[in-house]
Amino acid sequence: MRKVILVLVAMVLLFACKKEEPKEDCEIYKYGTITISNSSTNPYDIYIDDVLKGRLEGGKITEKVKINEGNSRKLYAVQVSGYLLYPTEKTTYFNVISCNDYSWQIP
């Protein structure tokens, strides 16, 4: 009888312990990613929340760029060259949810 009780206790302990799934970095650090594509032949400077993230040459696609989770995140692109009078500008706002992938095409 004592062995049966020990086996039952061991089984309860074994099944009561749940292993947590490891969290992804994007869950821990709360970020999503965005891929930006430039369908123009001209280069554009890319800003996220008014911070310059880099220049995207014409006909190119960025690697996934990390963007912190939050509401009303601002994406802004301004044409660097190839314009006659004024550069083309594009602005958009969107909400970022952790671990989601987004895409944006300019111009």
PDB file of N, CA and C in Angstrom:
ATOM      1  N   MET A   1       0.820  -1.192   0.000  1.00  0.00           N
ATOM      2  CA  MET A   1       0.000   0.000   0.000  1.00  0.00           C
ATOM      3  C   MET A   1       0.866   1.259   0.000  1.00  0.00           C
ATOM      4  N   ARG A   2       1.961   1.225   0.740  1.00  0.00           N
ATOM      5  CA  ARG A   2       2.849   2.382   0.834  1.00  0.00           C
ATOM      6  C   ARG A   2       3.478   2.687  -0.531  1.00  0.00           C
ATOM      7  N   LYS A   3       3.827   1.630  -1.284  1.00  0.00           N
ATOM      8  CA  LYS A   3       4.413   1.825  -2.602  1.00  0.00           C
ATOM      9  C   LYS A   3       3.407   2.475  -3.553  1.00  0.00           C
ATOM     10  N   VAL A   4       2.157   2.074  -3.444  1.00  0.00           N
ATOM     11  CA  VAL A   4       1.111   2.633  -4.296  1.00  0.00           C
ATOM     12  C   VAL A   4       0.952   4.123  -4.018  1.00  0.00           C
ATOM     13  N   ILE A   5       0.974   4.501  -2.768  1.00  0.00           N
ATOM     14  CA  ILE A   5       0.836   5.911  -2.386  1.00  0.00           C
ATOM     15  C   ILE A   5       2.030   6.704  -2.907  1.00  0.00           C
ATOM     16  N   LEU A   6       3.243   6.159  -2.774  1.00  0.00           N
ATOM     17  CA  LEU A   6       4.424   6.844  -3.274  1.00  0.00           C
ATOM     18  C   LEU A   6       4.375   7.028  -4.789  1.00  0.00           C
ATOM     19  N   VAL A   7       3.903   6.003  -5.483  1.00  0.00           N
ATOM     20  CA  VAL A   7       3.779   6.097  -6.938  1.00  0.00           C
ATOM     21  C   VAL A   7       2.746   7.158  -7.304  1.00  0.00           C
ATOM     22  N   LEU A   8       1.617   7.191  -6.605  1.00  0.00           N
ATOM     23  CA  LEU A   8       0.581   8.194  -6.871  1.00  0.00           C
ATOM     24  C   LEU A   8       1.091   9.613  -6.602  1.00  0.00           C
ATOM     25  N   VAL A   9       1.803   9.784  -5.509  1.00  0.00           N
ATOM     26  CA  VAL A   9       2.371  11.102  -5.186  1.00  0.00           C
ATOM     27  C   VAL A   9       3.372  11.521  -6.254  1.00  0.00           C
ATOM     28  N   ALA A  10       4.211  10.602  -6.682  1.00  0.00           N
ATOM     29  CA  ALA A  10       5.194  10.904  -7.730  1.00  0.00           C
ATOM     30  C   ALA A  10       4.496  11.288  -9.028  1.00  0.00           C
ATOM     31  N   MET A  11       3.422  10.582  -9.390  1.00  0.00           N
ATOM     32  CA  MET A  11       2.693  10.903 -10.618  1.00  0.00           C
ATOM     33  C   MET A  11       2.034  12.274 -10.526  1.00  0.00           C
ATOM     34  N   VAL A  12       1.468  12.593  -9.384  1.00  0.00           N
ATOM     35  CA  VAL A  12       0.838  13.910  -9.197  1.00  0.00           C
ATOM     36  C   VAL A  12       1.886  15.003  -9.338  1.00  0.00           C
ATOM     37  N   LEU A  13       3.016  14.828  -8.711  1.00  0.00           N
ATOM     38  CA  LEU A  13       4.080  15.831  -8.808  1.00  0.00           C
ATOM     39  C   LEU A  13       4.594  15.961 -10.230  1.00  0.00           C
ATOM     40  N   LEU A  14       4.727  14.856 -10.920  1.00  0.00           N
ATOM     41  CA  LEU A  14       5.213  14.869 -12.290  1.00  0.00           C
ATOM     42  C   LEU A  14       4.278  15.634 -13.218  1.00  0.00           C
ATOM     43  N   PHE A  15       2.992  15.389 -13.109  1.00  0.00           N
ATOM     44  CA  PHE A  15       2.028  16.019 -13.994  1.00  0.00           C
ATOM     45  C   PHE A  15       1.635  17.421 -13.537  1.00  0.00           C
ATOM     46  N   ALA A  16       1.878  17.753 -12.283  1.00  0.00           N
ATOM     47  CA  ALA A  16       1.533  19.080 -11.777  1.00  0.00           C
ATOM     48  C   ALA A  16       2.542  20.129 -12.232  1.00  0.00           C
ATOM     49  N   CYS A  17       3.761  19.729 -12.497  1.00  0.00           N
ATOM     50  CA  CYS A  17       4.799  20.675 -12.917  1.00  0.00           C
ATOM     51  C   CYS A  17       4.657  20.927 -14.415  1.00  0.00           C
ATOM     52  N   LYS A  18       4.342  22.145 -14.763  1.00  0.00           N
ATOM     53  CA  LYS A  18       4.240  22.520 -16.167  1.00  0.00           C
ATOM     54  C   LYS A  18       5.508  23.253 -16.564  1.00  0.00           C
ATOM     55  N   LYS A  19       5.994  22.908 -17.712  1.00  0.00           N
ATOM     56  CA  LYS A  19       7.144  23.631 -18.241  1.00  0.00           C
ATOM     57  C   LYS A  19       6.628  24.810 -19.048  1.00  0.00           C
ATOM     58  N   GLU A  20       7.177  25.992 -18.784  1.00  0.00           N
ATOM     59  CA  GLU A  20       6.790  27.161 -19.557  1.00  0.00           C
ATOM     60  C   GLU A  20       7.526  27.159 -20.880  1.00  0.00           C
ATOM     61  N   GLU A  21       6.799  27.552 -21.912  1.00  0.00           N
ATOM     62  CA  GLU A  21       7.410  27.687 -23.215  1.00  0.00           C
ATOM     63  C   GLU A  21       8.384  28.857 -23.163  1.00  0.00           C
ATOM     64  N   PRO A  22       9.555  28.713 -23.757  1.00  0.00           N
ATOM     65  CA  PRO A  22      10.489  29.843 -23.759  1.00  0.00           C
ATOM     66  C   PRO A  22       9.914  30.998 -24.577  1.00  0.00           C
ATOM     67  N   LYS A  23      10.096  32.209 -24.068  1.00  0.00           N
ATOM     68  CA  LYS A  23       9.585  33.388 -24.758  1.00  0.00           C
ATOM     69  C   LYS A  23      10.567  33.837 -25.828  1.00  0.00           C
ATOM     70  N   GLU A  24      10.011  34.362 -26.907  1.00  0.00           N
ATOM     71  CA  GLU A  24      10.838  34.913 -27.968  1.00  0.00           C
ATOM     72  C   GLU A  24      11.344  36.292 -27.534  1.00  0.00           C
ATOM     73  N   ASP A  25      12.448  36.726 -28.141  1.00  0.00           N
ATOM     74  CA  ASP A  25      12.999  38.049 -27.832  1.00  0.00           C
ATOM     75  C   ASP A  25      11.970  39.148 -28.034  1.00  0.00           C
ATOM     76  N   CYS A  26      11.171  39.037 -29.106  1.00  0.00           N
ATOM     77  CA  CYS A  26      10.189  40.088 -29.398  1.00  0.00           C
ATOM     78  C   CYS A  26       9.125  40.192 -28.303  1.00  0.00           C
ATOM     79  N   GLU A  27       8.849  39.092 -27.609  1.00  0.00           N
ATOM     80  CA  GLU A  27       7.914  39.139 -26.478  1.00  0.00           C
ATOM     81  C   GLU A  27       8.565  39.781 -25.266  1.00  0.00           C
ATOM     82  N   ILE A  28       9.809  39.421 -25.024  1.00  0.00           N
ATOM     83  CA  ILE A  28      10.521  39.942 -23.869  1.00  0.00           C
ATOM     84  C   ILE A  28      10.779  41.438 -24.013  1.00  0.00           C
ATOM     85  N   TYR A  29      11.265  41.855 -25.188  1.00  0.00           N
ATOM     86  CA  TYR A  29      11.655  43.250 -25.402  1.00  0.00           C
ATOM     87  C   TYR A  29      10.576  44.077 -26.084  1.00  0.00           C
ATOM     88  N   LYS A  30       9.441  43.476 -26.381  1.00  0.00           N
ATOM     89  CA  LYS A  30       8.250  44.149 -26.916  1.00  0.00           C
ATOM     90  C   LYS A  30       8.535  44.963 -28.174  1.00  0.00           C
ATOM     91  N   TYR A  31       8.821  44.231 -29.257  1.00  0.00           N
ATOM     92  CA  TYR A  31       9.008  44.887 -30.544  1.00  0.00           C
ATOM     93  C   TYR A  31       8.405  44.053 -31.664  1.00  0.00           C
ATOM     94  N   GLY A  32       8.104  44.734 -32.762  1.00  0.00           N
ATOM     95  CA  GLY A  32       7.688  44.088 -33.990  1.00  0.00           C
ATOM     96  C   GLY A  32       8.743  44.392 -35.032  1.00  0.00           C
ATOM     97  N   THR A  33       8.516  43.976 -36.261  1.00  0.00           N
ATOM     98  CA  THR A  33       9.468  44.280 -37.325  1.00  0.00           C
ATOM     99  C   THR A  33       8.714  44.842 -38.526  1.00  0.00           C
ATOM    100  N   ILE A  34       9.424  45.645 -39.299  1.00  0.00           N
ATOM    101  CA  ILE A  34       8.851  46.211 -40.513  1.00  0.00           C
ATOM    102  C   ILE A  34       9.838  46.039 -41.654  1.00  0.00           C
ATOM    103  N   THR A  35       9.313  45.708 -42.821  1.00  0.00           N
ATOM    104  CA  THR A  35      10.100  45.605 -44.041  1.00  0.00           C
ATOM    105  C   THR A  35       9.628  46.723 -44.963  1.00  0.00           C
ATOM    106  N   ILE A  36      10.555  47.538 -45.434  1.00  0.00           N
ATOM    107  CA  ILE A  36      10.216  48.681 -46.276  1.00  0.00           C
ATOM    108  C   ILE A  36      10.752  48.427 -47.677  1.00  0.00           C
ATOM    109  N   SER A  37       9.901  48.643 -48.684  1.00  0.00           N
ATOM    110  CA  SER A  37      10.333  48.459 -50.072  1.00  0.00           C
ATOM    111  C   SER A  37      10.188  49.780 -50.820  1.00  0.00           C
ATOM    112  N   ASN A  38      11.174  50.057 -51.665  1.00  0.00           N
ATOM    113  CA  ASN A  38      11.203  51.282 -52.456  1.00  0.00           C
ATOM    114  C   ASN A  38      10.959  50.912 -53.916  1.00  0.00           C
ATOM    115  N   SER A  39       9.767  51.249 -54.428  1.00  0.00           N
ATOM    116  CA  SER A  39       9.427  50.912 -55.813  1.00  0.00           C
ATOM    117  C   SER A  39       9.923  51.968 -56.800  1.00  0.00           C
ATOM    118  N   SER A  40      10.495  53.048 -56.304  1.00  0.00           N
ATOM    119  CA  SER A  40      11.039  54.112 -57.149  1.00  0.00           C
ATOM    120  C   SER A  40      12.469  53.766 -57.562  1.00  0.00           C
ATOM    121  N   THR A  41      12.983  54.509 -58.511  1.00  0.00           N
ATOM    122  CA  THR A  41      14.401  54.360 -58.869  1.00  0.00           C
ATOM    123  C   THR A  41      15.271  55.323 -58.069  1.00  0.00           C
ATOM    124  N   ASN A  42      14.630  56.184 -57.270  1.00  0.00           N
ATOM    125  CA  ASN A  42      15.346  57.198 -56.484  1.00  0.00           C
ATOM    126  C   ASN A  42      15.511  56.766 -55.028  1.00  0.00           C
ATOM    127  N   PRO A  43      16.573  57.214 -54.375  1.00  0.00           N
ATOM    128  CA  PRO A  43      16.777  56.872 -52.966  1.00  0.00           C
ATOM    129  C   PRO A  43      15.876  57.697 -52.032  1.00  0.00           C
ATOM    130  N   TYR A  44      15.546  57.099 -50.906  1.00  0.00           N
ATOM    131  CA  TYR A  44      14.731  57.760 -49.876  1.00  0.00           C
ATOM    132  C   TYR A  44      15.399  57.604 -48.526  1.00  0.00           C
ATOM    133  N   ASP A  45      15.360  58.667 -47.719  1.00  0.00           N
ATOM    134  CA  ASP A  45      15.760  58.561 -46.319  1.00  0.00           C
ATOM    135  C   ASP A  45      14.540  58.104 -45.532  1.00  0.00           C
ATOM    136  N   ILE A  46      14.753  57.137 -44.623  1.00  0.00           N
ATOM    137  CA  ILE A  46      13.671  56.533 -43.853  1.00  0.00           C
ATOM    138  C   ILE A  46      13.793  56.948 -42.394  1.00  0.00           C
ATOM    139  N   TYR A  47      12.687  57.447 -41.840  1.00  0.00           N
ATOM    140  CA  TYR A  47      12.632  57.858 -40.442  1.00  0.00           C
ATOM    141  C   TYR A  47      11.548  57.057 -39.729  1.00  0.00           C
ATOM    142  N   ILE A  48      11.846  56.653 -38.510  1.00  0.00           N
ATOM    143  CA  ILE A  48      10.846  56.038 -37.640  1.00  0.00           C
ATOM    144  C   ILE A  48      10.782  56.893 -36.390  1.00  0.00           C
ATOM    145  N   ASP A  49       9.598  57.442 -36.134  1.00  0.00           N
ATOM    146  CA  ASP A  49       9.401  58.367 -35.009  1.00  0.00           C
ATOM    147  C   ASP A  49      10.434  59.495 -35.042  1.00  0.00           C
ATOM    148  N   ASP A  50      10.627  60.071 -36.219  1.00  0.00           N
ATOM    149  CA  ASP A  50      11.526  61.212 -36.448  1.00  0.00           C
ATOM    150  C   ASP A  50      13.005  60.903 -36.210  1.00  0.00           C
ATOM    151  N   VAL A  51      13.369  59.639 -36.170  1.00  0.00           N
ATOM    152  CA  VAL A  51      14.772  59.230 -36.037  1.00  0.00           C
ATOM    153  C   VAL A  51      15.195  58.590 -37.358  1.00  0.00           C
ATOM    154  N   LEU A  52      16.254  59.122 -37.962  1.00  0.00           N
ATOM    155  CA  LEU A  52      16.747  58.589 -39.230  1.00  0.00           C
ATOM    156  C   LEU A  52      17.236  57.156 -39.032  1.00  0.00           C
ATOM    157  N   LYS A  53      16.676  56.237 -39.804  1.00  0.00           N
ATOM    158  CA  LYS A  53      17.068  54.831 -39.718  1.00  0.00           C
ATOM    159  C   LYS A  53      17.979  54.419 -40.862  1.00  0.00           C
ATOM    160  N   GLY A  54      18.043  55.246 -41.921  1.00  0.00           N
ATOM    161  CA  GLY A  54      18.940  54.927 -43.015  1.00  0.00           C
ATOM    162  C   GLY A  54      18.379  55.359 -44.348  1.00  0.00           C
ATOM    163  N   ARG A  55      19.154  55.095 -45.365  1.00  0.00           N
ATOM    164  CA  ARG A  55      18.778  55.435 -46.734  1.00  0.00           C
ATOM    165  C   ARG A  55      18.458  54.149 -47.480  1.00  0.00           C
ATOM    166  N   LEU A  56      17.344  54.179 -48.213  1.00  0.00           N
ATOM    167  CA  LEU A  56      16.921  53.023 -48.995  1.00  0.00           C
ATOM    168  C   LEU A  56      17.042  53.383 -50.473  1.00  0.00           C
ATOM    169  N   GLU A  57      17.964  52.729 -51.138  1.00  0.00           N
ATOM    170  CA  GLU A  57      18.192  52.985 -52.562  1.00  0.00           C
ATOM    171  C   GLU A  57      16.984  52.552 -53.384  1.00  0.00           C
ATOM    172  N   GLY A  58      16.869  53.101 -54.591  1.00  0.00           N
ATOM    173  CA  GLY A  58      15.761  52.778 -55.479  1.00  0.00           C
ATOM    174  C   GLY A  58      15.709  51.297 -55.818  1.00  0.00           C
ATOM    175  N   GLY A  59      14.505  50.746 -55.837  1.00  0.00           N
ATOM    176  CA  GLY A  59      14.310  49.348 -56.195  1.00  0.00           C
ATOM    177  C   GLY A  59      14.794  48.354 -55.159  1.00  0.00           C
ATOM    178  N   LYS A  60      15.040  48.791 -53.940  1.00  0.00           N
ATOM    179  CA  LYS A  60      15.558  47.910 -52.887  1.00  0.00           C
ATOM    180  C   LYS A  60      14.521  47.650 -51.814  1.00  0.00           C
ATOM    181  N   ILE A  61      14.786  46.627 -51.005  1.00  0.00           N
ATOM    182  CA  ILE A  61      13.945  46.253 -49.870  1.00  0.00           C
ATOM    183  C   ILE A  61      14.848  46.159 -48.648  1.00  0.00           C
ATOM    184  N   THR A  62      14.393  46.682 -47.531  1.00  0.00           N
ATOM    185  CA  THR A  62      15.185  46.615 -46.307  1.00  0.00           C
ATOM    186  C   THR A  62      15.124  45.215 -45.701  1.00  0.00           C
ATOM    187  N   GLU A  63      16.087  44.927 -44.864  1.00  0.00           N
ATOM    188  CA  GLU A  63      15.974  43.780 -43.979  1.00  0.00           C
ATOM    189  C   GLU A  63      14.891  44.142 -42.968  1.00  0.00           C
ATOM    190  N   LYS A  64      14.458  43.207 -42.167  1.00  0.00           N
ATOM    191  CA  LYS A  64      13.467  43.516 -41.138  1.00  0.00           C
ATOM    192  C   LYS A  64      14.070  44.494 -40.133  1.00  0.00           C
ATOM    193  N   VAL A  65      13.362  45.595 -39.918  1.00  0.00           N
ATOM    194  CA  VAL A  65      13.799  46.626 -38.978  1.00  0.00           C
ATOM    195  C   VAL A  65      12.958  46.490 -37.716  1.00  0.00           C
ATOM    196  N   LYS A  66      13.611  46.441 -36.557  1.00  0.00           N
ATOM    197  CA  LYS A  66      12.877  46.343 -35.296  1.00  0.00           C
ATOM    198  C   LYS A  66      12.235  47.695 -34.988  1.00  0.00           C
ATOM    199  N   ILE A  67      11.002  47.617 -34.506  1.00  0.00           N
ATOM    200  CA  ILE A  67      10.288  48.818 -34.115  1.00  0.00           C
ATOM    201  C   ILE A  67       9.528  48.515 -32.823  1.00  0.00           C
ATOM    202  N   ASN A  68       9.732  49.348 -31.809  1.00  0.00           N
ATOM    203  CA  ASN A  68       9.147  49.107 -30.498  1.00  0.00           C
ATOM    204  C   ASN A  68       7.625  49.114 -30.547  1.00  0.00           C
ATOM    205  N   GLU A  69       7.048  48.283 -29.701  1.00  0.00           N
ATOM    206  CA  GLU A  69       5.598  48.205 -29.603  1.00  0.00           C
ATOM    207  C   GLU A  69       5.049  49.563 -29.193  1.00  0.00           C
ATOM    208  N   GLY A  70       3.900  49.930 -29.748  1.00  0.00           N
ATOM    209  CA  GLY A  70       3.269  51.187 -29.362  1.00  0.00           C
ATOM    210  C   GLY A  70       2.241  51.637 -30.379  1.00  0.00           C
ATOM    211  N   ASN A  71       1.465  52.628 -29.984  1.00  0.00           N
ATOM    212  CA  ASN A  71       0.424  53.182 -30.837  1.00  0.00           C
ATOM    213  C   ASN A  71       0.941  54.400 -31.582  1.00  0.00           C
ATOM    214  N   SER A  72       0.390  54.621 -32.747  1.00  0.00           N
ATOM    215  CA  SER A  72       0.696  55.794 -33.580  1.00  0.00           C
ATOM    216  C   SER A  72       2.186  55.967 -33.839  1.00  0.00           C
ATOM    217  N   ARG A  73       2.846  54.875 -34.203  1.00  0.00           N
ATOM    218  CA  ARG A  73       4.255  54.954 -34.586  1.00  0.00           C
ATOM    219  C   ARG A  73       4.327  55.649 -35.930  1.00  0.00           C
ATOM    220  N   LYS A  74       5.233  56.581 -36.077  1.00  0.00           N
ATOM    221  CA  LYS A  74       5.322  57.389 -37.289  1.00  0.00           C
ATOM    222  C   LYS A  74       6.404  56.861 -38.227  1.00  0.00           C
ATOM    223  N   LEU A  75       6.013  56.628 -39.487  1.00  0.00           N
ATOM    224  CA  LEU A  75       6.970  56.293 -40.535  1.00  0.00           C
ATOM    225  C   LEU A  75       6.981  57.456 -41.517  1.00  0.00           C
ATOM    226  N   TYR A  76       8.178  57.885 -41.869  1.00  0.00           N
ATOM    227  CA  TYR A  76       8.316  59.023 -42.769  1.00  0.00           C
ATOM    228  C   TYR A  76       9.449  58.728 -43.746  1.00  0.00           C
ATOM    229  N   ALA A  77       9.206  59.000 -45.021  1.00  0.00           N
ATOM    230  CA  ALA A  77      10.221  58.811 -46.051  1.00  0.00           C
ATOM    231  C   ALA A  77      10.288  60.074 -46.896  1.00  0.00           C
ATOM    232  N   VAL A  78      11.510  60.509 -47.221  1.00  0.00           N
ATOM    233  CA  VAL A  78      11.693  61.685 -48.063  1.00  0.00           C
ATOM    234  C   VAL A  78      12.684  61.349 -49.167  1.00  0.00           C
ATOM    235  N   GLN A  79      12.326  61.729 -50.384  1.00  0.00           N
ATOM    236  CA  GLN A  79      13.164  61.472 -51.552  1.00  0.00           C
ATOM    237  C   GLN A  79      14.448  62.286 -51.434  1.00  0.00           C
ATOM    238  N   VAL A  80      15.584  61.653 -51.720  1.00  0.00           N
ATOM    239  CA  VAL A  80      16.886  62.293 -51.570  1.00  0.00           C
ATOM    240  C   VAL A  80      17.326  62.978 -52.859  1.00  0.00           C
ATOM    241  N   SER A  81      17.075  62.337 -53.994  1.00  0.00           N
ATOM    242  CA  SER A  81      17.489  62.907 -55.277  1.00  0.00           C
ATOM    243  C   SER A  81      16.546  62.442 -56.375  1.00  0.00           C
ATOM    244  N   GLY A  82      16.688  63.056 -57.570  1.00  0.00           N
ATOM    245  CA  GLY A  82      15.883  62.649 -58.706  1.00  0.00           C
ATOM    246  C   GLY A  82      14.586  63.413 -58.854  1.00  0.00           C
ATOM    247  N   TYR A  83      14.400  64.498 -58.117  1.00  0.00           N
ATOM    248  CA  TYR A  83      13.173  65.291 -58.224  1.00  0.00           C
ATOM    249  C   TYR A  83      13.475  66.616 -58.933  1.00  0.00           C
ATOM    250  N   LEU A  84      12.426  67.226 -59.510  1.00  0.00           N
ATOM    251  CA  LEU A  84      12.595  68.483 -60.234  1.00  0.00           C
ATOM    252  C   LEU A  84      12.528  69.692 -59.303  1.00  0.00           C
ATOM    253  N   LEU A  85      11.407  69.844 -58.575  1.00  0.00           N
ATOM    254  CA  LEU A  85      11.242  71.000 -57.704  1.00  0.00           C
ATOM    255  C   LEU A  85      11.256  70.627 -56.228  1.00  0.00           C
ATOM    256  N   TYR A  86      10.437  69.634 -55.877  1.00  0.00           N
ATOM    257  CA  TYR A  86      10.294  69.247 -54.475  1.00  0.00           C
ATOM    258  C   TYR A  86      10.424  67.729 -54.348  1.00  0.00           C
ATOM    259  N   PRO A  87      11.025  67.283 -53.277  1.00  0.00           N
ATOM    260  CA  PRO A  87      11.129  65.826 -53.083  1.00  0.00           C
ATOM    261  C   PRO A  87       9.773  65.231 -52.710  1.00  0.00           C
ATOM    262  N   THR A  88       9.566  63.992 -53.100  1.00  0.00           N
ATOM    263  CA  THR A  88       8.365  63.266 -52.697  1.00  0.00           C
ATOM    264  C   THR A  88       8.530  62.868 -51.236  1.00  0.00           C
ATOM    265  N   GLU A  89       7.476  63.079 -50.466  1.00  0.00           N
ATOM    266  CA  GLU A  89       7.469  62.705 -49.054  1.00  0.00           C
ATOM    267  C   GLU A  89       6.278  61.805 -48.789  1.00  0.00           C
ATOM    268  N   LYS A  90       6.454  60.864 -47.890  1.00  0.00           N
ATOM    269  CA  LYS A  90       5.355  59.974 -47.521  1.00  0.00           C
ATOM    270  C   LYS A  90       5.401  59.752 -46.012  1.00  0.00           C
ATOM    271  N   THR A  91       4.255  59.912 -45.370  1.00  0.00           N
ATOM    272  CA  THR A  91       4.138  59.726 -43.926  1.00  0.00           C
ATOM    273  C   THR A  91       2.962  58.807 -43.639  1.00  0.00           C
ATOM    274  N   THR A  92       3.145  57.924 -42.681  1.00  0.00           N
ATOM    275  CA  THR A  92       2.044  57.071 -42.237  1.00  0.00           C
ATOM    276  C   THR A  92       2.210  56.800 -40.743  1.00  0.00           C
ATOM    277  N   TYR A  93       1.116  56.508 -40.097  1.00  0.00           N
ATOM    278  CA  TYR A  93       1.110  56.160 -38.673  1.00  0.00           C
ATOM    279  C   TYR A  93       0.466  54.786 -38.529  1.00  0.00           C
ATOM    280  N   PHE A  94       0.999  53.983 -37.619  1.00  0.00           N
ATOM    281  CA  PHE A  94       0.396  52.671 -37.399  1.00  0.00           C
ATOM    282  C   PHE A  94       0.719  52.180 -35.998  1.00  0.00           C
ATOM    283  N   ASN A  95      -0.038  51.191 -35.559  1.00  0.00           N
ATOM    284  CA  ASN A  95       0.146  50.590 -34.236  1.00  0.00           C
ATOM    285  C   ASN A  95       0.989  49.331 -34.374  1.00  0.00           C
ATOM    286  N   VAL A  96       1.954  49.181 -33.483  1.00  0.00           N
ATOM    287  CA  VAL A  96       2.841  48.023 -33.500  1.00  0.00           C
ATOM    288  C   VAL A  96       2.498  47.112 -32.334  1.00  0.00           C
ATOM    289  N   ILE A  97       2.310  45.843 -32.641  1.00  0.00           N
ATOM    290  CA  ILE A  97       2.067  44.820 -31.624  1.00  0.00           C
ATOM    291  C   ILE A  97       3.280  43.896 -31.618  1.00  0.00           C
ATOM    292  N   SER A  98       3.737  43.532 -30.438  1.00  0.00           N
ATOM    293  CA  SER A  98       4.921  42.685 -30.300  1.00  0.00           C
ATOM    294  C   SER A  98       4.834  41.445 -31.171  1.00  0.00           C
ATOM    295  N   CYS A  99       5.963  41.112 -31.783  1.00  0.00           N
ATOM    296  CA  CYS A  99       6.159  39.901 -32.584  1.00  0.00           C
ATOM    297  C   CYS A  99       5.403  39.886 -33.907  1.00  0.00           C
ATOM    298  N   ASN A 100       4.786  41.000 -34.294  1.00  0.00           N
ATOM    299  CA  ASN A 100       4.121  41.061 -35.596  1.00  0.00           C
ATOM    300  C   ASN A 100       5.066  41.656 -36.630  1.00  0.00           C
ATOM    301  N   ASP A 101       4.879  41.227 -37.873  1.00  0.00           N
ATOM    302  CA  ASP A 101       5.658  41.748 -38.989  1.00  0.00           C
ATOM    303  C   ASP A 101       4.776  42.673 -39.820  1.00  0.00           C
ATOM    304  N   TYR A 102       5.344  43.795 -40.229  1.00  0.00           N
ATOM    305  CA  TYR A 102       4.631  44.779 -41.026  1.00  0.00           C
ATOM    306  C   TYR A 102       5.426  45.067 -42.287  1.00  0.00           C
ATOM    307  N   SER A 103       4.762  45.674 -43.270  1.00  0.00           N
ATOM    308  CA  SER A 103       5.459  46.087 -44.475  1.00  0.00           C
ATOM    309  C   SER A 103       4.944  47.466 -44.892  1.00  0.00           C
ATOM    310  N   TRP A 104       5.811  48.213 -45.601  1.00  0.00           N
ATOM    311  CA  TRP A 104       5.480  49.552 -46.063  1.00  0.00           C
ATOM    312  C   TRP A 104       6.159  49.768 -47.394  1.00  0.00           C
ATOM    313  N   GLN A 105       5.409  50.243 -48.355  1.00  0.00           N
ATOM    314  CA  GLN A 105       5.988  50.504 -49.670  1.00  0.00           C
ATOM    315  C   GLN A 105       6.002  51.995 -49.941  1.00  0.00           C
ATOM    316  N   ILE A 106       7.164  52.472 -50.434  1.00  0.00           N
ATOM    317  CA  ILE A 106       7.290  53.867 -50.828  1.00  0.00           C
ATOM    318  C   ILE A 106       7.643  53.924 -52.297  1.00  0.00           C
ATOM    319  N   PRO A 107       7.400  54.954 -53.012  1.00  0.00           N
ATOM    320  CA  PRO A 107       6.678  56.162 -52.611  1.00  0.00           C
ATOM    321  C   PRO A 107       5.211  55.956 -52.552  1.00  0.00           C
TER     322      PRO A 107
END
